[in-house]
Amino acid sequence: MQLPKAVYELEFNHGSSYGEEEAAALLEVLAASAPSCGPKVKAFEDAFAAYCGTMFGLAVTSCTAGLELAMIACDVGPGMR
């Protein structure tokens, strides 16, 4: 497989080159109108939880949402250091 020309060096150092398998998986989820819920997301959450050795996994729509949930889970609030 010939890689596309990188615009920024970080593109290849952090794995942003995707192939046909990833494209097909993405289109399958989008075609089911379920980019943030549905059986594929649940399967990912379960697989990720198993990989991490935890009971639960929760997919979020952004890193910001994940960080906010982490802060809530740690009971971090305004004015805390």
PDB file of N, CA and C in Angstrom:
ATOM      1  N   MET A   1       0.849  -1.187   0.000  1.00  0.00           N
ATOM      2  CA  MET A   1       0.000   0.000   0.000  1.00  0.00           C
ATOM      3  C   MET A   1       0.883   1.234   0.000  1.00  0.00           C
ATOM      4  N   GLN A   2       0.628   2.137  -0.911  1.00  0.00           N
ATOM      5  CA  GLN A   2       1.378   3.378  -0.959  1.00  0.00           C
ATOM      6  C   GLN A   2       0.685   4.399  -0.074  1.00  0.00           C
ATOM      7  N   LEU A   3       1.441   4.967   0.865  1.00  0.00           N
ATOM      8  CA  LEU A   3       0.874   5.955   1.781  1.00  0.00           C
ATOM      9  C   LEU A   3       0.718   7.288   1.089  1.00  0.00           C
ATOM     10  N   PRO A   4      -0.325   8.049   1.450  1.00  0.00           N
ATOM     11  CA  PRO A   4      -0.480   9.387   0.875  1.00  0.00           C
ATOM     12  C   PRO A   4       0.622  10.310   1.383  1.00  0.00           C
ATOM     13  N   LYS A   5       0.870  11.375   0.659  1.00  0.00           N
ATOM     14  CA  LYS A   5       1.878  12.338   1.074  1.00  0.00           C
ATOM     15  C   LYS A   5       1.398  13.053   2.330  1.00  0.00           C
ATOM     16  N   ALA A   6       2.254  13.073   3.330  1.00  0.00           N
ATOM     17  CA  ALA A   6       1.899  13.719   4.594  1.00  0.00           C
ATOM     18  C   ALA A   6       2.032  15.226   4.471  1.00  0.00           C
ATOM     19  N   VAL A   7       1.031  15.932   4.961  1.00  0.00           N
ATOM     20  CA  VAL A   7       1.100  17.389   5.022  1.00  0.00           C
ATOM     21  C   VAL A   7       1.845  17.787   6.294  1.00  0.00           C
ATOM     22  N   TYR A   8       1.554  17.082   7.365  1.00  0.00           N
ATOM     23  CA  TYR A   8       2.203  17.319   8.653  1.00  0.00           C
ATOM     24  C   TYR A   8       2.849  16.017   9.112  1.00  0.00           C
ATOM     25  N   GLU A   9       4.012  16.088   9.705  1.00  0.00           N
ATOM     26  CA  GLU A   9       4.729  14.884  10.139  1.00  0.00           C
ATOM     27  C   GLU A   9       3.903  14.055  11.117  1.00  0.00           C
ATOM     28  N   LEU A  10       3.096  14.693  11.949  1.00  0.00           N
ATOM     29  CA  LEU A  10       2.300  13.987  12.953  1.00  0.00           C
ATOM     30  C   LEU A  10       1.298  13.019  12.330  1.00  0.00           C
ATOM     31  N   GLU A  11       0.933  13.258  11.080  1.00  0.00           N
ATOM     32  CA  GLU A  11      -0.060  12.400  10.442  1.00  0.00           C
ATOM     33  C   GLU A  11       0.339  10.930  10.444  1.00  0.00           C
ATOM     34  N   PHE A  12       1.593  10.621  10.215  1.00  0.00           N
ATOM     35  CA  PHE A  12       2.028   9.235  10.174  1.00  0.00           C
ATOM     36  C   PHE A  12       2.549   8.760  11.517  1.00  0.00           C
ATOM     37  N   ASN A  13       3.121   9.649  12.299  1.00  0.00           N
ATOM     38  CA  ASN A  13       3.645   9.250  13.599  1.00  0.00           C
ATOM     39  C   ASN A  13       2.543   8.816  14.553  1.00  0.00           C
ATOM     40  N   HIS A  14       1.333   9.269  14.326  1.00  0.00           N
ATOM     41  CA  HIS A  14       0.236   8.952  15.235  1.00  0.00           C
ATOM     42  C   HIS A  14      -0.891   8.176  14.565  1.00  0.00           C
ATOM     43  N   GLY A  15      -0.608   7.568  13.434  1.00  0.00           N
ATOM     44  CA  GLY A  15      -1.548   6.624  12.838  1.00  0.00           C
ATOM     45  C   GLY A  15      -2.771   7.186  12.186  1.00  0.00           C
ATOM     46  N   SER A  16      -2.672   8.273  11.442  1.00  0.00           N
ATOM     47  CA  SER A  16      -3.864   8.824  10.812  1.00  0.00           C
ATOM     48  C   SER A  16      -4.038   8.362   9.362  1.00  0.00           C
ATOM     49  N   SER A  17      -3.325   7.331   8.944  1.00  0.00           N
ATOM     50  CA  SER A  17      -3.528   6.756   7.614  1.00  0.00           C
ATOM     51  C   SER A  17      -4.459   5.562   7.749  1.00  0.00           C
ATOM     52  N   TYR A  18      -5.622   5.672   7.138  1.00  0.00           N
ATOM     53  CA  TYR A  18      -6.606   4.619   7.253  1.00  0.00           C
ATOM     54  C   TYR A  18      -6.780   3.930   5.908  1.00  0.00           C
ATOM     55  N   GLY A  19      -7.211   2.682   5.937  1.00  0.00           N
ATOM     56  CA  GLY A  19      -7.384   1.918   4.712  1.00  0.00           C
ATOM     57  C   GLY A  19      -8.835   1.597   4.436  1.00  0.00           C
ATOM     58  N   GLU A  20      -9.027   0.691   3.501  1.00  0.00           N
ATOM     59  CA  GLU A  20     -10.368   0.296   3.068  1.00  0.00           C
ATOM     60  C   GLU A  20     -11.179  -0.354   4.195  1.00  0.00           C
ATOM     61  N   GLU A  21     -10.520  -1.141   5.052  1.00  0.00           N
ATOM     62  CA  GLU A  21     -11.224  -1.817   6.149  1.00  0.00           C
ATOM     63  C   GLU A  21     -11.836  -0.789   7.105  1.00  0.00           C
ATOM     64  N   GLU A  22     -11.072   0.244   7.449  1.00  0.00           N
ATOM     65  CA  GLU A  22     -11.579   1.279   8.351  1.00  0.00           C
ATOM     66  C   GLU A  22     -12.707   2.072   7.682  1.00  0.00           C
ATOM     67  N   ALA A  23     -12.540   2.370   6.406  1.00  0.00           N
ATOM     68  CA  ALA A  23     -13.576   3.108   5.676  1.00  0.00           C
ATOM     69  C   ALA A  23     -14.878   2.317   5.625  1.00  0.00           C
ATOM     70  N   ALA A  24     -14.776   1.022   5.366  1.00  0.00           N
ATOM     71  CA  ALA A  24     -15.976   0.172   5.302  1.00  0.00           C
ATOM     72  C   ALA A  24     -16.675   0.101   6.661  1.00  0.00           C
ATOM     73  N   ALA A  25     -15.891  -0.004   7.731  1.00  0.00           N
ATOM     74  CA  ALA A  25     -16.481  -0.060   9.074  1.00  0.00           C
ATOM     75  C   ALA A  25     -17.190   1.251   9.405  1.00  0.00           C
ATOM     76  N   LEU A  26     -16.570   2.358   9.059  1.00  0.00           N
ATOM     77  CA  LEU A  26     -17.181   3.664   9.312  1.00  0.00           C
ATOM     78  C   LEU A  26     -18.481   3.824   8.533  1.00  0.00           C
ATOM     79  N   LEU A  27     -18.459   3.467   7.261  1.00  0.00           N
ATOM     80  CA  LEU A  27     -19.666   3.585   6.442  1.00  0.00           C
ATOM     81  C   LEU A  27     -20.787   2.683   6.946  1.00  0.00           C
ATOM     82  N   GLU A  28     -20.429   1.509   7.464  1.00  0.00           N
ATOM     83  CA  GLU A  28     -21.445   0.597   8.007  1.00  0.00           C
ATOM     84  C   GLU A  28     -22.157   1.233   9.203  1.00  0.00           C
ATOM     85  N   VAL A  29     -21.397   1.872  10.083  1.00  0.00           N
ATOM     86  CA  VAL A  29     -21.993   2.519  11.254  1.00  0.00           C
ATOM     87  C   VAL A  29     -22.829   3.716  10.825  1.00  0.00           C
ATOM     88  N   LEU A  30     -22.307   4.537   9.907  1.00  0.00           N
ATOM     89  CA  LEU A  30     -23.052   5.707   9.448  1.00  0.00           C
ATOM     90  C   LEU A  30     -24.330   5.312   8.720  1.00  0.00           C
ATOM     91  N   ALA A  31     -24.288   4.232   7.949  1.00  0.00           N
ATOM     92  CA  ALA A  31     -25.477   3.771   7.222  1.00  0.00           C
ATOM     93  C   ALA A  31     -26.571   3.319   8.178  1.00  0.00           C
ATOM     94  N   ALA A  32     -26.194   2.877   9.372  1.00  0.00           N
ATOM     95  CA  ALA A  32     -27.172   2.444  10.373  1.00  0.00           C
ATOM     96  C   ALA A  32     -27.703   3.626  11.179  1.00  0.00           C
ATOM     97  N   SER A  33     -27.307   4.853  10.787  1.00  0.00           N
ATOM     98  CA  SER A  33     -27.727   6.078  11.489  1.00  0.00           C
ATOM     99  C   SER A  33     -27.417   6.004  12.976  1.00  0.00           C
ATOM    100  N   ALA A  34     -26.280   5.424  13.303  1.00  0.00           N
ATOM    101  CA  ALA A  34     -25.950   5.229  14.716  1.00  0.00           C
ATOM    102  C   ALA A  34     -24.476   5.524  14.997  1.00  0.00           C
ATOM    103  N   PRO A  35     -24.007   6.753  14.681  1.00  0.00           N
ATOM    104  CA  PRO A  35     -22.592   7.025  14.927  1.00  0.00           C
ATOM    105  C   PRO A  35     -22.222   7.125  16.403  1.00  0.00           C
ATOM    106  N   SER A  36     -23.206   7.323  17.270  1.00  0.00           N
ATOM    107  CA  SER A  36     -22.866   7.431  18.690  1.00  0.00           C
ATOM    108  C   SER A  36     -23.672   6.480  19.571  1.00  0.00           C
ATOM    109  N   CYS A  37     -24.394   5.551  18.948  1.00  0.00           N
ATOM    110  CA  CYS A  37     -25.144   4.549  19.707  1.00  0.00           C
ATOM    111  C   CYS A  37     -25.386   3.350  18.799  1.00  0.00           C
ATOM    112  N   GLY A  38     -26.031   2.358  19.300  1.00  0.00           N
ATOM    113  CA  GLY A  38     -26.337   1.198  18.473  1.00  0.00           C
ATOM    114  C   GLY A  38     -25.456   0.008  18.778  1.00  0.00           C
ATOM    115  N   PRO A  39     -25.670  -1.082  18.071  1.00  0.00           N
ATOM    116  CA  PRO A  39     -24.974  -2.339  18.383  1.00  0.00           C
ATOM    117  C   PRO A  39     -23.464  -2.279  18.171  1.00  0.00           C
ATOM    118  N   LYS A  40     -22.986  -1.558  17.179  1.00  0.00           N
ATOM    119  CA  LYS A  40     -21.537  -1.465  16.946  1.00  0.00           C
ATOM    120  C   LYS A  40     -20.855  -0.701  18.081  1.00  0.00           C
ATOM    121  N   VAL A  41     -21.496   0.359  18.543  1.00  0.00           N
ATOM    122  CA  VAL A  41     -20.928   1.144  19.647  1.00  0.00           C
ATOM    123  C   VAL A  41     -20.923   0.313  20.920  1.00  0.00           C
ATOM    124  N   LYS A  42     -22.003  -0.402  21.182  1.00  0.00           N
ATOM    125  CA  LYS A  42     -22.079  -1.267  22.360  1.00  0.00           C
ATOM    126  C   LYS A  42     -21.007  -2.354  22.303  1.00  0.00           C
ATOM    127  N   ALA A  43     -20.807  -2.927  21.121  1.00  0.00           N
ATOM    128  CA  ALA A  43     -19.773  -3.957  20.964  1.00  0.00           C
ATOM    129  C   ALA A  43     -18.389  -3.369  21.225  1.00  0.00           C
ATOM    130  N   PHE A  44     -18.154  -2.145  20.750  1.00  0.00           N
ATOM    131  CA  PHE A  44     -16.876  -1.480  21.009  1.00  0.00           C
ATOM    132  C   PHE A  44     -16.688  -1.228  22.501  1.00  0.00           C
ATOM    133  N   GLU A  45     -17.726  -0.712  23.161  1.00  0.00           N
ATOM    134  CA  GLU A  45     -17.644  -0.443  24.601  1.00  0.00           C
ATOM    135  C   GLU A  45     -17.321  -1.720  25.377  1.00  0.00           C
ATOM    136  N   ASP A  46     -18.007  -2.805  25.035  1.00  0.00           N
ATOM    137  CA  ASP A  46     -17.768  -4.083  25.719  1.00  0.00           C
ATOM    138  C   ASP A  46     -16.350  -4.594  25.469  1.00  0.00           C
ATOM    139  N   ALA A  47     -15.894  -4.518  24.216  1.00  0.00           N
ATOM    140  CA  ALA A  47     -14.545  -4.984  23.881  1.00  0.00           C
ATOM    141  C   ALA A  47     -13.488  -4.126  24.563  1.00  0.00           C
ATOM    142  N   PHE A  48     -13.702  -2.824  24.602  1.00  0.00           N
ATOM    143  CA  PHE A  48     -12.735  -1.929  25.237  1.00  0.00           C
ATOM    144  C   PHE A  48     -12.676  -2.164  26.742  1.00  0.00           C
ATOM    145  N   ALA A  49     -13.835  -2.360  27.361  1.00  0.00           N
ATOM    146  CA  ALA A  49     -13.876  -2.655  28.803  1.00  0.00           C
ATOM    147  C   ALA A  49     -13.125  -3.952  29.094  1.00  0.00           C
ATOM    148  N   ALA A  50     -13.341  -4.969  28.275  1.00  0.00           N
ATOM    149  CA  ALA A  50     -12.638  -6.247  28.462  1.00  0.00           C
ATOM    150  C   ALA A  50     -11.140  -6.057  28.304  1.00  0.00           C
ATOM    151  N   TYR A  51     -10.736  -5.278  27.310  1.00  0.00           N
ATOM    152  CA  TYR A  51      -9.314  -5.013  27.084  1.00  0.00           C
ATOM    153  C   TYR A  51      -8.688  -4.306  28.285  1.00  0.00           C
ATOM    154  N   CYS A  52      -9.442  -3.388  28.889  1.00  0.00           N
ATOM    155  CA  CYS A  52      -8.943  -2.626  30.044  1.00  0.00           C
ATOM    156  C   CYS A  52      -9.110  -3.380  31.360  1.00  0.00           C
ATOM    157  N   GLY A  53      -9.822  -4.507  31.338  1.00  0.00           N
ATOM    158  CA  GLY A  53     -10.046  -5.269  32.549  1.00  0.00           C
ATOM    159  C   GLY A  53     -11.025  -4.603  33.500  1.00  0.00           C
ATOM    160  N   THR A  54     -12.001  -3.900  32.936  1.00  0.00           N
ATOM    161  CA  THR A  54     -13.017  -3.231  33.751  1.00  0.00           C
ATOM    162  C   THR A  54     -14.388  -3.796  33.424  1.00  0.00           C
ATOM    163  N   MET A  55     -15.352  -3.461  34.252  1.00  0.00           N
ATOM    164  CA  MET A  55     -16.704  -3.953  34.015  1.00  0.00           C
ATOM    165  C   MET A  55     -17.414  -3.182  32.893  1.00  0.00           C
ATOM    166  N   PHE A  56     -17.088  -1.897  32.762  1.00  0.00           N
ATOM    167  CA  PHE A  56     -17.828  -1.051  31.824  1.00  0.00           C
ATOM    168  C   PHE A  56     -16.881  -0.227  30.971  1.00  0.00           C
ATOM    169  N   GLY A  57     -17.340   0.121  29.795  1.00  0.00           N
ATOM    170  CA  GLY A  57     -16.667   1.056  28.912  1.00  0.00           C
ATOM    171  C   GLY A  57     -17.728   1.989  28.365  1.00  0.00           C
ATOM    172  N   LEU A  58     -17.366   3.228  28.125  1.00  0.00           N
ATOM    173  CA  LEU A  58     -18.340   4.194  27.622  1.00  0.00           C
ATOM    174  C   LEU A  58     -17.722   4.990  26.490  1.00  0.00           C
ATOM    175  N   ALA A  59     -18.269   4.857  25.303  1.00  0.00           N
ATOM    176  CA  ALA A  59     -17.809   5.636  24.164  1.00  0.00           C
ATOM    177  C   ALA A  59     -18.421   7.032  24.262  1.00  0.00           C
ATOM    178  N   VAL A  60     -17.627   8.024  23.970  1.00  0.00           N
ATOM    179  CA  VAL A  60     -18.105   9.410  23.970  1.00  0.00           C
ATOM    180  C   VAL A  60     -17.838  10.020  22.598  1.00  0.00           C
ATOM    181  N   THR A  61     -18.468  11.140  22.328  1.00  0.00           N
ATOM    182  CA  THR A  61     -18.371  11.750  21.009  1.00  0.00           C
ATOM    183  C   THR A  61     -17.173  12.665  20.843  1.00  0.00           C
ATOM    184  N   SER A  62     -16.479  12.974  21.936  1.00  0.00           N
ATOM    185  CA  SER A  62     -15.300  13.832  21.828  1.00  0.00           C
ATOM    186  C   SER A  62     -14.404  13.649  23.039  1.00  0.00           C
ATOM    187  N   CYS A  63     -13.175  14.077  22.890  1.00  0.00           N
ATOM    188  CA  CYS A  63     -12.239  14.030  24.015  1.00  0.00           C
ATOM    189  C   CYS A  63     -12.731  14.945  25.140  1.00  0.00           C
ATOM    190  N   THR A  64     -13.314  16.074  24.768  1.00  0.00           N
ATOM    191  CA  THR A  64     -13.829  17.008  25.774  1.00  0.00           C
ATOM    192  C   THR A  64     -14.898  16.332  26.626  1.00  0.00           C
ATOM    193  N   ALA A  65     -15.806  15.597  25.993  1.00  0.00           N
ATOM    194  CA  ALA A  65     -16.843  14.894  26.743  1.00  0.00           C
ATOM    195  C   ALA A  65     -16.219  13.842  27.655  1.00  0.00           C
ATOM    196  N   GLY A  66     -15.204  13.138  27.166  1.00  0.00           N
ATOM    197  CA  GLY A  66     -14.515  12.137  27.980  1.00  0.00           C
ATOM    198  C   GLY A  66     -13.830  12.757  29.183  1.00  0.00           C
ATOM    199  N   LEU A  67     -13.163  13.888  28.969  1.00  0.00           N
ATOM    200  CA  LEU A  67     -12.497  14.572  30.088  1.00  0.00           C
ATOM    201  C   LEU A  67     -13.511  15.083  31.110  1.00  0.00           C
ATOM    202  N   GLU A  68     -14.632  15.608  30.627  1.00  0.00           N
ATOM    203  CA  GLU A  68     -15.665  16.090  31.550  1.00  0.00           C
ATOM    204  C   GLU A  68     -16.219  14.940  32.386  1.00  0.00           C
ATOM    205  N   LEU A  69     -16.478  13.799  31.765  1.00  0.00           N
ATOM    206  CA  LEU A  69     -16.967  12.640  32.515  1.00  0.00           C
ATOM    207  C   LEU A  69     -15.930  12.147  33.521  1.00  0.00           C
ATOM    208  N   ALA A  70     -14.664  12.182  33.136  1.00  0.00           N
ATOM    209  CA  ALA A  70     -13.595  11.770  34.055  1.00  0.00           C
ATOM    210  C   ALA A  70     -13.553  12.692  35.273  1.00  0.00           C
ATOM    211  N   MET A  71     -13.718  13.978  35.049  1.00  0.00           N
ATOM    212  CA  MET A  71     -13.709  14.940  36.166  1.00  0.00           C
ATOM    213  C   MET A  71     -14.914  14.715  37.083  1.00  0.00           C
ATOM    214  N   ILE A  72     -16.070  14.439  36.496  1.00  0.00           N
ATOM    215  CA  ILE A  72     -17.258  14.166  37.290  1.00  0.00           C
ATOM    216  C   ILE A  72     -17.055  12.896  38.113  1.00  0.00           C
ATOM    217  N   ALA A  73     -16.488  11.860  37.474  1.00  0.00           N
ATOM    218  CA  ALA A  73     -16.261  10.586  38.162  1.00  0.00           C
ATOM    219  C   ALA A  73     -15.281  10.751  39.339  1.00  0.00           C
ATOM    220  N   CYS A  74     -14.348  11.680  39.197  1.00  0.00           N
ATOM    221  CA  CYS A  74     -13.355  11.933  40.262  1.00  0.00           C
ATOM    222  C   CYS A  74     -13.831  12.979  41.256  1.00  0.00           C
ATOM    223  N   ASP A  75     -15.079  13.443  41.081  1.00  0.00           N
ATOM    224  CA  ASP A  75     -15.689  14.439  41.963  1.00  0.00           C
ATOM    225  C   ASP A  75     -14.893  15.745  42.000  1.00  0.00           C
ATOM    226  N   VAL A  76     -14.364  16.136  40.845  1.00  0.00           N
ATOM    227  CA  VAL A  76     -13.643  17.401  40.728  1.00  0.00           C
ATOM    228  C   VAL A  76     -14.663  18.480  40.361  1.00  0.00           C
ATOM    229  N   GLY A  77     -14.613  19.583  41.070  1.00  0.00           N
ATOM    230  CA  GLY A  77     -15.544  20.665  40.824  1.00  0.00           C
ATOM    231  C   GLY A  77     -14.852  22.008  40.789  1.00  0.00           C
ATOM    232  N   PRO A  78     -15.609  23.061  40.637  1.00  0.00           N
ATOM    233  CA  PRO A  78     -15.044  24.408  40.594  1.00  0.00           C
ATOM    234  C   PRO A  78     -14.233  24.728  41.850  1.00  0.00           C
ATOM    235  N   GLY A  79     -13.122  25.394  41.648  1.00  0.00           N
ATOM    236  CA  GLY A  79     -12.289  25.833  42.765  1.00  0.00           C
ATOM    237  C   GLY A  79     -11.369  24.771  43.332  1.00  0.00           C
ATOM    238  N   MET A  80     -11.413  23.550  42.821  1.00  0.00           N
ATOM    239  CA  MET A  80     -10.565  22.476  43.339  1.00  0.00           C
ATOM    240  C   MET A  80      -9.200  22.558  42.701  1.00  0.00           C
ATOM    241  N   ARG A  81      -8.193  22.162  43.459  1.00  0.00           N
ATOM    242  CA  ARG A  81      -6.813  22.168  42.942  1.00  0.00           C
ATOM    243  C   ARG A  81      -6.297  20.772  42.838  1.00  0.00           C
TER     244      ARG A  81
END
